[in-house]
């Protein structure tokens, strides 16, 4: 990969001949690098479908439910002694006037 835009076009905007020469050298260097590349061995890694959700507020509980509905095991962690976050502390919720809990 050669970045001609950043290394030639922008830097040498006033001197097209120098930009062209530099671009040719960069492309030749990229080709030479590509000749020396080696294959990377592929590796199979087992995937464990488990998620950790930090924070059991409204957003955390919704994320945990969405993941669980997709068949992913979820660990829901909360630092406070109760779940629900700030929403559980509210008496009434606008606009339905429902209880926060």
C-alpha atoms as a PDB file:
ATOM      1  CA  UNK A   1       0.000   0.000   0.000  1.00  0.00           C
ATOM      2  CA  UNK A   2       1.313   3.391  -0.968  1.00  0.00           C
ATOM      3  CA  UNK A   3      -0.290   6.661   0.155  1.00  0.00           C
ATOM      4  CA  UNK A   4       0.250   8.912  -2.864  1.00  0.00           C
ATOM      5  CA  UNK A   5      -2.355  11.444  -1.837  1.00  0.00           C
ATOM      6  CA  UNK A   6      -0.755  12.312   1.495  1.00  0.00           C
ATOM      7  CA  UNK A   7       2.891  11.855   0.472  1.00  0.00           C
ATOM      8  CA  UNK A   8       2.831  13.319  -3.037  1.00  0.00           C
ATOM      9  CA  UNK A   9      -0.306  15.186  -4.067  1.00  0.00           C
ATOM     10  CA  UNK A  10      -0.685  17.322  -0.948  1.00  0.00           C
ATOM     11  CA  UNK A  11       3.005  17.820  -0.173  1.00  0.00           C
ATOM     12  CA  UNK A  12       4.108  18.671  -3.716  1.00  0.00           C
ATOM     13  CA  UNK A  13       0.984  20.429  -5.005  1.00  0.00           C
ATOM     14  CA  UNK A  14       3.063  23.178  -6.617  1.00  0.00           C
ATOM     15  CA  UNK A  15       5.634  20.917  -8.288  1.00  0.00           C
ATOM     16  CA  UNK A  16       3.884  18.255 -10.391  1.00  0.00           C
ATOM     17  CA  UNK A  17       7.087  16.891 -11.910  1.00  0.00           C
ATOM     18  CA  UNK A  18       8.654  16.236  -8.498  1.00  0.00           C
ATOM     19  CA  UNK A  19       5.376  14.750  -7.249  1.00  0.00           C
ATOM     20  CA  UNK A  20       5.256  12.378 -10.230  1.00  0.00           C
ATOM     21  CA  UNK A  21       8.862  11.274  -9.722  1.00  0.00           C
ATOM     22  CA  UNK A  22       8.273  10.706  -6.033  1.00  0.00           C
ATOM     23  CA  UNK A  23       5.060   8.784  -6.783  1.00  0.00           C
ATOM     24  CA  UNK A  24       6.922   6.489  -9.168  1.00  0.00           C
ATOM     25  CA  UNK A  25       9.584   5.797  -6.528  1.00  0.00           C
ATOM     26  CA  UNK A  26       6.945   5.132  -3.866  1.00  0.00           C
ATOM     27  CA  UNK A  27       5.041   2.713  -6.120  1.00  0.00           C
ATOM     28  CA  UNK A  28       8.285   0.895  -6.983  1.00  0.00           C
ATOM     29  CA  UNK A  29       9.052   0.631  -3.270  1.00  0.00           C
ATOM     30  CA  UNK A  30       5.572  -0.726  -2.599  1.00  0.00           C
ATOM     31  CA  UNK A  31       6.017  -3.359  -5.309  1.00  0.00           C
ATOM     32  CA  UNK A  32       9.392  -4.378  -3.856  1.00  0.00           C
ATOM     33  CA  UNK A  33       7.854  -4.668  -0.384  1.00  0.00           C
ATOM     34  CA  UNK A  34       5.014  -6.782  -1.768  1.00  0.00           C
ATOM     35  CA  UNK A  35       7.515  -9.201  -3.355  1.00  0.00           C
ATOM     36  CA  UNK A  36       8.960  -9.926   0.092  1.00  0.00           C
ATOM     37  CA  UNK A  37       5.632 -10.642   1.782  1.00  0.00           C
ATOM     38  CA  UNK A  38       5.127 -14.029   3.400  1.00  0.00           C
ATOM     39  CA  UNK A  39       1.886 -15.893   3.994  1.00  0.00           C
ATOM     40  CA  UNK A  40       0.514 -15.610   7.491  1.00  0.00           C
ATOM     41  CA  UNK A  41      -0.628 -18.992   8.782  1.00  0.00           C
ATOM     42  CA  UNK A  42      -4.336 -19.106   9.588  1.00  0.00           C
ATOM     43  CA  UNK A  43      -5.386 -20.176  13.035  1.00  0.00           C
ATOM     44  CA  UNK A  44      -8.757 -21.418  14.233  1.00  0.00           C
ATOM     45  CA  UNK A  45      -9.813 -19.903  17.551  1.00  0.00           C
ATOM     46  CA  UNK A  46     -12.993 -21.075  19.266  1.00  0.00           C
ATOM     47  CA  UNK A  47     -15.439 -18.270  20.027  1.00  0.00           C
ATOM     48  CA  UNK A  48     -17.306 -18.217  23.313  1.00  0.00           C
ATOM     49  CA  UNK A  49     -20.613 -16.428  22.883  1.00  0.00           C
ATOM     50  CA  UNK A  50     -20.538 -14.585  26.202  1.00  0.00           C
ATOM     51  CA  UNK A  51     -20.788 -10.873  26.963  1.00  0.00           C
ATOM     52  CA  UNK A  52     -20.092  -8.693  29.980  1.00  0.00           C
ATOM     53  CA  UNK A  53     -22.361  -5.688  30.438  1.00  0.00           C
ATOM     54  CA  UNK A  54     -21.065  -3.156  32.951  1.00  0.00           C
ATOM     55  CA  UNK A  55     -23.791  -1.102  34.565  1.00  0.00           C
ATOM     56  CA  UNK A  56     -27.322  -2.294  35.309  1.00  0.00           C
ATOM     57  CA  UNK A  57     -29.116   0.939  34.538  1.00  0.00           C
ATOM     58  CA  UNK A  58     -31.770   1.164  31.850  1.00  0.00           C
ATOM     59  CA  UNK A  59     -29.232   1.060  29.002  1.00  0.00           C
ATOM     60  CA  UNK A  60     -27.287  -1.819  30.549  1.00  0.00           C
ATOM     61  CA  UNK A  61     -30.397  -3.885  31.175  1.00  0.00           C
ATOM     62  CA  UNK A  62     -31.654  -3.259  27.621  1.00  0.00           C
ATOM     63  CA  UNK A  63     -28.254  -4.267  26.205  1.00  0.00           C
ATOM     64  CA  UNK A  64     -28.234  -7.420  28.347  1.00  0.00           C
ATOM     65  CA  UNK A  65     -31.745  -8.349  27.212  1.00  0.00           C
ATOM     66  CA  UNK A  66     -30.920  -7.731  23.547  1.00  0.00           C
ATOM     67  CA  UNK A  67     -27.831  -9.945  23.797  1.00  0.00           C
ATOM     68  CA  UNK A  68     -29.693 -12.663  25.704  1.00  0.00           C
ATOM     69  CA  UNK A  69     -32.445 -12.679  23.058  1.00  0.00           C
ATOM     70  CA  UNK A  70     -29.733 -13.461  20.499  1.00  0.00           C
ATOM     71  CA  UNK A  71     -28.666 -16.533  22.465  1.00  0.00           C
ATOM     72  CA  UNK A  72     -25.580 -14.949  24.020  1.00  0.00           C
ATOM     73  CA  UNK A  73     -24.798 -15.619  27.681  1.00  0.00           C
ATOM     74  CA  UNK A  74     -24.655 -12.329  29.580  1.00  0.00           C
ATOM     75  CA  UNK A  75     -22.985 -11.293  32.802  1.00  0.00           C
ATOM     76  CA  UNK A  76     -24.555  -8.078  34.108  1.00  0.00           C
ATOM     77  CA  UNK A  77     -22.404  -6.209  36.645  1.00  0.00           C
ATOM     78  CA  UNK A  78     -23.522  -3.294  38.817  1.00  0.00           C
ATOM     79  CA  UNK A  79     -21.505  -1.481  41.505  1.00  0.00           C
ATOM     80  CA  UNK A  80     -24.565  -0.256  43.424  1.00  0.00           C
ATOM     81  CA  UNK A  81     -26.640  -2.559  45.653  1.00  0.00           C
ATOM     82  CA  UNK A  82     -29.702  -2.172  43.397  1.00  0.00           C
ATOM     83  CA  UNK A  83     -30.265  -2.207  39.648  1.00  0.00           C
ATOM     84  CA  UNK A  84     -32.134   0.355  37.584  1.00  0.00           C
ATOM     85  CA  UNK A  85     -29.751   3.287  37.861  1.00  0.00           C
ATOM     86  CA  UNK A  86     -31.179   6.787  38.115  1.00  0.00           C
ATOM     87  CA  UNK A  87     -34.504   5.640  36.664  1.00  0.00           C
ATOM     88  CA  UNK A  88     -35.253   3.537  39.746  1.00  0.00           C
ATOM     89  CA  UNK A  89     -34.882   6.657  41.927  1.00  0.00           C
ATOM     90  CA  UNK A  90     -37.572   8.586  40.045  1.00  0.00           C
ATOM     91  CA  UNK A  91     -41.110   8.736  41.385  1.00  0.00           C
ATOM     92  CA  UNK A  92     -42.851   9.480  38.070  1.00  0.00           C
ATOM     93  CA  UNK A  93     -41.712   9.345  34.437  1.00  0.00           C
ATOM     94  CA  UNK A  94     -42.747  11.851  31.757  1.00  0.00           C
ATOM     95  CA  UNK A  95     -44.954  11.669  29.627  1.00  0.00           C
ATOM     96  CA  UNK A  96     -46.826   8.567  30.794  1.00  0.00           C
ATOM     97  CA  UNK A  97     -46.579   9.363  34.520  1.00  0.00           C
ATOM     98  CA  UNK A  98     -45.537   5.756  35.173  1.00  0.00           C
ATOM     99  CA  UNK A  99     -43.601   4.766  38.274  1.00  0.00           C
ATOM    100  CA  UNK A 100     -39.806   4.772  37.725  1.00  0.00           C
ATOM    101  CA  UNK A 101     -39.294   1.388  39.346  1.00  0.00           C
END
